[in-house]
Amino acid sequence: MKKRILTTLTIFTMALFVFVSCSDDDDFPAPVISDLEIGYDNSKIGHRGSDLHFDADIVAEGRIDRIVVEIHYEGDHHHDHKSGQNGDHDDHAWEFEHTWTEYNGLLNTSFHKHIDIPHDAKLGDYHFHFKVIDQQGKVTEIETEFEVKDSHDDDHDHDH
């Protein structure tokens, strides 16, 4: 009888351990990205030969693993730029990709960076991908567009 009770108790304890270890306590929500700003005053404009400002607030209950930014050319379908006009024939479609790991382990951060736009970057619309991956493998990504203008377009004085 004791052996049967001991066996039943052992099976019950093992089952309880399995259910407790598989609870949703470690099931954190995906990271949250808020207040993404591209360009000064969120103008969504960058000027070639200058830097592109961007920042965002990040909360990751599963703790940040890495932050990735990818930029690629979308085209100039909204503009009247013609190849060869004003030296545009020397322009190249600018691409950028970088992974930041210095935020690893943080629950939240205010992410603020400046990246250089090459002086010969092709004018037009660019696609901006902002991705946060937490330590649980959950990913949140925001995609938006911004425009690269010539350094002579608009007044782009700003404070860093």
Protein backbone atom coordinates (compact mmCIF):
# COMPACT_ATOMS: atom_id res chain seq x y z
CA MET A 1 0.00 0.00 0.00
CA LYS A 2 2.83 2.38 0.88
CA LYS A 3 4.50 1.63 -2.43
CA ARG A 4 1.30 2.46 -4.33
CA ILE A 5 0.84 5.75 -2.42
CA LEU A 6 4.49 6.64 -3.00
CA THR A 7 4.16 5.88 -6.74
CA THR A 8 0.95 7.94 -7.00
CA LEU A 9 2.55 10.80 -5.07
CA THR A 10 5.63 10.70 -7.32
CA ILE A 11 3.52 10.77 -10.49
CA PHE A 12 1.41 13.63 -9.07
CA THR A 13 4.54 15.61 -8.15
CA MET A 14 6.06 15.12 -11.59
CA ALA A 15 2.82 16.17 -13.30
CA LEU A 16 2.60 19.24 -11.06
CA PHE A 17 6.20 20.16 -11.92
CA VAL A 18 5.47 19.87 -15.65
CA PHE A 19 2.37 22.08 -15.40
CA VAL A 20 4.13 24.71 -13.28
CA SER A 21 7.19 24.87 -15.53
CA CYS A 22 4.97 25.24 -18.60
CA SER A 23 2.98 28.12 -17.19
CA ASP A 24 2.58 31.39 -19.08
CA ASP A 25 4.75 33.31 -16.60
CA ASP A 26 7.53 33.52 -19.22
CA ASP A 27 5.15 34.42 -22.04
CA PHE A 28 5.94 38.11 -22.33
CA PRO A 29 4.26 40.31 -24.93
CA ALA A 30 6.25 41.33 -28.00
CA PRO A 31 8.37 44.48 -27.65
CA VAL A 32 6.56 47.80 -27.98
CA ILE A 33 7.99 50.59 -30.13
CA SER A 34 6.47 54.04 -29.66
CA ASP A 35 7.14 57.61 -30.73
CA LEU A 36 9.31 56.66 -33.71
CA GLU A 37 10.74 59.85 -35.17
CA ILE A 38 12.54 60.01 -38.52
CA GLY A 39 14.26 63.29 -39.42
CA TYR A 40 14.32 66.39 -37.28
CA ASP A 41 10.91 67.23 -35.83
CA ASN A 42 9.72 63.97 -37.45
CA SER A 43 9.91 65.62 -40.87
CA LYS A 44 10.64 62.25 -42.54
CA ILE A 45 13.28 64.08 -44.58
CA GLY A 46 17.01 63.53 -44.75
CA HIS A 47 19.52 65.49 -46.77
CA ARG A 48 22.35 63.85 -48.63
CA GLY A 49 25.73 64.78 -47.25
CA SER A 50 24.15 65.26 -43.81
CA ASP A 51 22.94 62.91 -41.11
CA LEU A 52 19.56 61.27 -40.58
CA HIS A 53 18.21 61.60 -37.06
CA PHE A 54 15.92 58.91 -35.68
CA ASP A 55 14.73 57.87 -32.27
CA ALA A 56 12.08 55.77 -30.58
CA ASP A 57 10.99 54.58 -27.16
CA ILE A 58 11.21 50.83 -26.63
CA VAL A 59 9.69 48.61 -23.93
CA ALA A 60 10.49 44.89 -24.00
CA GLU A 61 9.20 42.83 -21.07
CA GLY A 62 11.14 39.90 -22.55
CA ARG A 63 14.28 42.11 -22.42
CA ILE A 64 15.89 43.58 -25.51
CA ASP A 65 18.24 41.32 -27.44
CA ARG A 66 19.04 43.58 -30.40
CA ILE A 67 17.77 46.50 -32.46
CA VAL A 68 18.04 46.46 -36.25
CA VAL A 69 17.64 49.31 -38.74
CA GLU A 70 17.47 48.69 -42.48
CA ILE A 71 17.13 51.40 -45.13
CA HIS A 72 16.71 50.87 -48.85
CA TYR A 73 15.71 52.93 -51.86
CA GLU A 74 12.03 52.87 -52.82
CA GLY A 75 12.18 55.07 -55.89
CA ASP A 76 11.42 58.55 -57.03
CA HIS A 77 7.86 57.93 -58.20
CA HIS A 78 6.63 61.05 -56.39
CA HIS A 79 9.28 63.33 -57.88
CA ASP A 80 10.39 64.66 -61.22
CA HIS A 81 14.08 63.74 -60.85
CA LYS A 82 15.55 62.64 -64.16
CA SER A 83 18.72 60.65 -64.55
CA GLY A 84 21.59 62.89 -65.54
CA GLN A 85 19.90 66.06 -64.32
CA ASN A 86 22.02 68.07 -61.86
CA GLY A 87 24.60 65.29 -61.72
CA ASP A 88 22.05 62.65 -60.71
CA HIS A 89 23.72 60.13 -63.05
CA ASP A 90 26.43 59.71 -60.41
CA ASP A 91 23.92 59.01 -57.65
CA HIS A 92 23.53 55.56 -56.18
CA ALA A 93 20.63 54.00 -54.35
CA TRP A 94 21.83 54.16 -50.77
CA GLU A 95 21.34 51.15 -48.52
CA PHE A 96 22.03 50.86 -44.82
CA GLU A 97 21.77 48.02 -42.33
CA HIS A 98 23.03 47.95 -38.77
CA THR A 99 22.39 45.86 -35.65
CA TRP A 100 22.84 47.39 -32.20
CA THR A 101 23.49 44.97 -29.33
CA GLU A 102 24.52 47.40 -26.61
CA TYR A 103 20.90 47.50 -25.37
CA ASN A 104 20.94 43.74 -24.68
CA GLY A 105 19.20 42.86 -21.42
CA LEU A 106 17.38 46.17 -20.95
CA LEU A 107 13.64 46.28 -20.28
CA ASN A 108 13.29 49.69 -21.93
CA THR A 109 15.32 52.40 -23.58
CA SER A 110 15.09 55.64 -25.47
CA PHE A 111 16.89 54.82 -28.71
CA HIS A 112 18.46 57.85 -30.43
CA LYS A 113 20.89 57.67 -33.34
CA HIS A 114 22.26 59.69 -36.25
CA ILE A 115 23.54 58.03 -39.41
CA ASP A 116 25.31 59.68 -42.30
CA ILE A 117 23.57 59.94 -45.65
CA PRO A 118 26.19 59.77 -48.40
CA HIS A 119 26.63 62.93 -50.47
CA ASP A 120 25.89 60.92 -53.62
CA ALA A 121 22.79 59.11 -52.30
CA LYS A 122 20.05 58.91 -54.90
CA LEU A 123 17.27 61.43 -54.31
CA GLY A 124 13.80 60.09 -53.63
CA ASP A 125 11.86 57.88 -51.27
CA TYR A 126 13.52 55.37 -48.98
CA HIS A 127 11.98 52.60 -46.90
CA PHE A 128 12.95 52.55 -43.21
CA HIS A 129 12.63 49.30 -41.22
CA PHE A 130 13.00 49.53 -37.43
CA LYS A 131 13.04 46.15 -35.70
CA VAL A 132 13.34 45.16 -32.03
CA ILE A 133 14.02 41.52 -31.13
CA ASP A 134 13.68 40.48 -27.48
CA GLN A 135 15.50 37.68 -25.68
CA GLN A 136 12.43 35.45 -26.09
CA GLY A 137 12.76 35.75 -29.88
CA LYS A 138 9.70 37.98 -30.30
CA VAL A 139 10.00 40.64 -32.98
CA THR A 140 8.27 43.98 -33.44
CA GLU A 141 8.91 45.92 -36.62
CA ILE A 142 7.78 49.32 -37.84
CA GLU A 143 8.15 50.26 -41.49
CA THR A 144 7.83 53.78 -42.81
CA GLU A 145 9.13 55.94 -45.63
CA PHE A 146 11.24 59.05 -45.64
CA GLU A 147 12.64 61.21 -48.41
CA VAL A 148 16.24 62.02 -49.22
CA LYS A 149 16.53 65.52 -50.64
CA ASP A 150 19.47 67.43 -52.03
CA SER A 151 21.50 69.29 -49.43
CA HIS A 152 20.48 72.55 -51.14
CA ASP A 153 16.74 71.84 -50.80
CA ASP A 154 14.93 73.44 -47.87
CA ASP A 155 16.53 75.00 -44.86
CA HIS A 156 17.69 72.09 -42.73
CA ASP A 157 19.47 73.81 -39.86
CA HIS A 158 19.07 71.81 -36.70
CA ASP A 159 20.59 71.21 -33.30
CA HIS A 160 22.20 67.88 -32.51
